[in-house]
Amino acid sequence: DRYEINYPVYLDGQQKFAAAYDPDAGYMRYVPTTVIIDQQGLIRDTHFGVPRNAARRVDPYGVLGRQVQELLDGA
């Protein structure tokens, strides 16, 4: 509510998601790790650490917002 996030956020404390998508690793190597998954369950992008824009500036809201909006627009 505080950040007005209107999409699901999953915290993988037991590493179940990580193991399902990357069985060789079995864990997320970086905190945070953000995985963008489309409506069909396919991974569209993975961000290790805080997402940065094209200018390499920290911009998680801009980068993730654009990616999520592109997926929603294509739905």
N, C-alpha and C. Protein backbone atom coordinates (compact mmCIF):
# COMPACT_ATOMS: atom_id res chain seq x y z
N ASP A 1 0.83 -1.20 0.00
CA ASP A 1 0.00 0.00 0.00
C ASP A 1 0.86 1.26 0.00
N ARG A 2 1.90 1.22 0.81
CA ARG A 2 2.77 2.39 0.95
C ARG A 2 3.36 2.84 -0.38
N TYR A 3 3.76 1.87 -1.22
CA TYR A 3 4.39 2.20 -2.50
C TYR A 3 3.45 2.04 -3.69
N GLU A 4 2.17 1.78 -3.40
CA GLU A 4 1.13 1.63 -4.42
C GLU A 4 1.49 0.56 -5.45
N ILE A 5 2.06 -0.53 -4.99
CA ILE A 5 2.38 -1.65 -5.88
C ILE A 5 1.08 -2.42 -6.14
N ASN A 6 0.75 -2.59 -7.41
CA ASN A 6 -0.52 -3.25 -7.75
C ASN A 6 -0.28 -4.56 -8.50
N TYR A 7 0.84 -5.20 -8.22
CA TYR A 7 1.14 -6.49 -8.82
C TYR A 7 1.71 -7.40 -7.73
N PRO A 8 1.66 -8.73 -7.97
CA PRO A 8 2.11 -9.66 -6.92
C PRO A 8 3.61 -9.54 -6.65
N VAL A 9 3.96 -9.64 -5.39
CA VAL A 9 5.35 -9.68 -4.95
C VAL A 9 5.49 -10.95 -4.12
N TYR A 10 6.48 -11.76 -4.46
CA TYR A 10 6.68 -13.03 -3.76
C TYR A 10 8.04 -13.02 -3.09
N LEU A 11 8.06 -13.24 -1.79
CA LEU A 11 9.31 -13.35 -1.05
C LEU A 11 9.63 -14.83 -0.91
N ASP A 12 10.77 -15.24 -1.43
CA ASP A 12 11.15 -16.65 -1.53
C ASP A 12 12.08 -17.07 -0.40
N GLY A 13 11.58 -16.96 0.83
CA GLY A 13 12.41 -17.26 2.00
C GLY A 13 12.92 -18.68 2.06
N GLN A 14 12.18 -19.63 1.49
CA GLN A 14 12.61 -21.03 1.52
C GLN A 14 13.24 -21.46 0.20
N GLN A 15 13.46 -20.52 -0.71
CA GLN A 15 14.14 -20.77 -1.99
C GLN A 15 13.40 -21.76 -2.91
N LYS A 16 12.08 -21.89 -2.77
CA LYS A 16 11.31 -22.79 -3.62
C LYS A 16 11.23 -22.25 -5.05
N PHE A 17 10.99 -20.96 -5.18
CA PHE A 17 10.90 -20.36 -6.51
C PHE A 17 12.25 -20.47 -7.23
N ALA A 18 13.30 -20.12 -6.53
CA ALA A 18 14.64 -20.16 -7.13
C ALA A 18 14.98 -21.55 -7.62
N ALA A 19 14.69 -22.56 -6.83
CA ALA A 19 14.98 -23.94 -7.21
C ALA A 19 14.15 -24.37 -8.41
N ALA A 20 12.91 -23.91 -8.49
CA ALA A 20 12.04 -24.28 -9.61
C ALA A 20 12.51 -23.67 -10.93
N TYR A 21 13.00 -22.44 -10.89
CA TYR A 21 13.42 -21.76 -12.12
C TYR A 21 14.90 -21.94 -12.43
N ASP A 22 15.70 -22.26 -11.47
CA ASP A 22 17.13 -22.46 -11.68
C ASP A 22 17.61 -23.59 -10.78
N PRO A 23 17.28 -24.84 -11.17
CA PRO A 23 17.59 -25.98 -10.30
C PRO A 23 19.08 -26.15 -10.02
N ASP A 24 19.93 -25.69 -10.92
CA ASP A 24 21.38 -25.83 -10.70
C ASP A 24 21.85 -24.95 -9.54
N ALA A 25 21.24 -23.78 -9.42
CA ALA A 25 21.65 -22.86 -8.35
C ALA A 25 20.95 -23.23 -7.05
N GLY A 26 19.63 -23.38 -7.11
CA GLY A 26 18.87 -23.73 -5.92
C GLY A 26 18.68 -22.58 -4.95
N TYR A 27 19.20 -21.42 -5.28
CA TYR A 27 19.04 -20.26 -4.43
C TYR A 27 19.28 -19.00 -5.27
N MET A 28 18.79 -17.90 -4.79
CA MET A 28 19.06 -16.63 -5.45
C MET A 28 20.41 -16.14 -4.97
N ARG A 29 21.24 -15.74 -5.89
CA ARG A 29 22.62 -15.35 -5.55
C ARG A 29 22.73 -13.91 -5.08
N TYR A 30 21.76 -13.08 -5.43
CA TYR A 30 21.86 -11.66 -5.12
C TYR A 30 20.59 -11.19 -4.41
N VAL A 31 20.75 -10.23 -3.54
CA VAL A 31 19.61 -9.62 -2.86
C VAL A 31 19.66 -8.13 -3.15
N PRO A 32 18.65 -7.57 -3.76
CA PRO A 32 17.46 -8.27 -4.22
C PRO A 32 17.67 -8.92 -5.58
N THR A 33 16.88 -9.93 -5.88
CA THR A 33 16.76 -10.49 -7.21
C THR A 33 15.31 -10.28 -7.61
N THR A 34 15.09 -9.65 -8.75
CA THR A 34 13.75 -9.40 -9.25
C THR A 34 13.57 -10.15 -10.55
N VAL A 35 12.53 -10.95 -10.64
CA VAL A 35 12.25 -11.73 -11.83
C VAL A 35 10.93 -11.25 -12.41
N ILE A 36 10.95 -10.87 -13.68
CA ILE A 36 9.73 -10.43 -14.37
C ILE A 36 9.18 -11.65 -15.11
N ILE A 37 7.97 -12.06 -14.76
CA ILE A 37 7.33 -13.25 -15.33
C ILE A 37 6.07 -12.81 -16.06
N ASP A 38 5.90 -13.29 -17.29
CA ASP A 38 4.72 -12.89 -18.06
C ASP A 38 3.49 -13.72 -17.69
N GLN A 39 2.40 -13.45 -18.37
CA GLN A 39 1.13 -14.10 -18.06
C GLN A 39 1.15 -15.61 -18.31
N GLN A 40 2.09 -16.08 -19.12
CA GLN A 40 2.20 -17.51 -19.40
C GLN A 40 3.19 -18.21 -18.48
N GLY A 41 3.77 -17.46 -17.55
CA GLY A 41 4.71 -18.04 -16.60
C GLY A 41 6.14 -18.08 -17.11
N LEU A 42 6.43 -17.39 -18.21
CA LEU A 42 7.78 -17.36 -18.77
C LEU A 42 8.57 -16.19 -18.18
N ILE A 43 9.81 -16.44 -17.86
CA ILE A 43 10.68 -15.38 -17.36
C ILE A 43 11.03 -14.45 -18.51
N ARG A 44 10.72 -13.17 -18.36
CA ARG A 44 11.01 -12.16 -19.37
C ARG A 44 12.29 -11.41 -19.08
N ASP A 45 12.62 -11.26 -17.81
CA ASP A 45 13.85 -10.57 -17.43
C ASP A 45 14.17 -10.88 -15.98
N THR A 46 15.44 -10.80 -15.64
CA THR A 46 15.88 -10.98 -14.27
C THR A 46 16.84 -9.85 -13.94
N HIS A 47 16.63 -9.24 -12.80
CA HIS A 47 17.50 -8.16 -12.33
C HIS A 47 18.20 -8.65 -11.07
N PHE A 48 19.53 -8.63 -11.11
CA PHE A 48 20.32 -8.98 -9.95
C PHE A 48 20.78 -7.68 -9.31
N GLY A 49 20.40 -7.45 -8.08
CA GLY A 49 20.67 -6.18 -7.44
C GLY A 49 19.56 -5.20 -7.79
N VAL A 50 19.77 -3.94 -7.51
CA VAL A 50 18.76 -2.92 -7.76
C VAL A 50 18.76 -2.57 -9.25
N PRO A 51 17.60 -2.60 -9.92
CA PRO A 51 17.54 -2.28 -11.34
C PRO A 51 18.06 -0.88 -11.65
N ARG A 52 18.76 -0.79 -12.77
CA ARG A 52 19.32 0.48 -13.22
C ARG A 52 18.80 0.78 -14.62
N ASN A 53 18.72 2.06 -14.94
CA ASN A 53 18.25 2.47 -16.26
C ASN A 53 19.39 2.44 -17.26
N ALA A 54 19.11 2.86 -18.49
CA ALA A 54 20.11 2.83 -19.56
C ALA A 54 21.33 3.67 -19.24
N ALA A 55 21.17 4.71 -18.44
CA ALA A 55 22.28 5.57 -18.04
C ALA A 55 23.03 4.99 -16.83
N ARG A 56 22.66 3.75 -16.42
CA ARG A 56 23.27 3.05 -15.29
C ARG A 56 22.97 3.69 -13.94
N ARG A 57 21.92 4.50 -13.90
CA ARG A 57 21.50 5.10 -12.63
C ARG A 57 20.48 4.18 -11.97
N VAL A 58 20.54 4.08 -10.65
CA VAL A 58 19.57 3.27 -9.91
C VAL A 58 18.18 3.82 -10.18
N ASP A 59 17.29 2.96 -10.70
CA ASP A 59 15.94 3.40 -11.09
C ASP A 59 14.97 2.22 -11.06
N PRO A 60 14.79 1.59 -9.88
CA PRO A 60 13.92 0.41 -9.86
C PRO A 60 12.49 0.69 -10.27
N TYR A 61 11.94 1.81 -9.85
CA TYR A 61 10.54 2.10 -10.18
C TYR A 61 10.37 2.34 -11.68
N GLY A 62 11.28 3.06 -12.28
CA GLY A 62 11.20 3.33 -13.71
C GLY A 62 11.39 2.07 -14.54
N VAL A 63 12.44 1.32 -14.24
CA VAL A 63 12.76 0.11 -15.02
C VAL A 63 11.67 -0.94 -14.86
N LEU A 64 11.34 -1.29 -13.63
CA LEU A 64 10.34 -2.33 -13.41
C LEU A 64 8.96 -1.87 -13.85
N GLY A 65 8.65 -0.61 -13.63
CA GLY A 65 7.36 -0.07 -14.06
C GLY A 65 7.16 -0.21 -15.56
N ARG A 66 8.20 0.13 -16.33
CA ARG A 66 8.11 0.01 -17.79
C ARG A 66 7.92 -1.45 -18.21
N GLN A 67 8.71 -2.34 -17.61
CA GLN A 67 8.62 -3.74 -18.00
C GLN A 67 7.25 -4.34 -17.66
N VAL A 68 6.76 -4.06 -16.48
CA VAL A 68 5.44 -4.59 -16.09
C VAL A 68 4.36 -3.98 -16.97
N GLN A 69 4.43 -2.68 -17.24
CA GLN A 69 3.42 -2.04 -18.07
C GLN A 69 3.43 -2.61 -19.49
N GLU A 70 4.60 -2.90 -20.05
CA GLU A 70 4.67 -3.50 -21.38
C GLU A 70 3.97 -4.85 -21.41
N LEU A 71 4.16 -5.64 -20.36
CA LEU A 71 3.48 -6.93 -20.30
C LEU A 71 1.97 -6.76 -20.15
N LEU A 72 1.55 -5.81 -19.33
CA LEU A 72 0.12 -5.58 -19.16
C LEU A 72 -0.51 -5.06 -20.44
N ASP A 73 0.18 -4.19 -21.16
CA ASP A 73 -0.34 -3.64 -22.42
C ASP A 73 -0.49 -4.74 -23.47
N GLY A 74 0.40 -5.74 -23.41
CA GLY A 74 0.35 -6.82 -24.39
C GLY A 74 -0.63 -7.92 -24.03
N ALA A 75 -1.27 -7.82 -22.86
CA ALA A 75 -2.19 -8.89 -22.40
C ALA A 75 -3.46 -8.92 -23.19
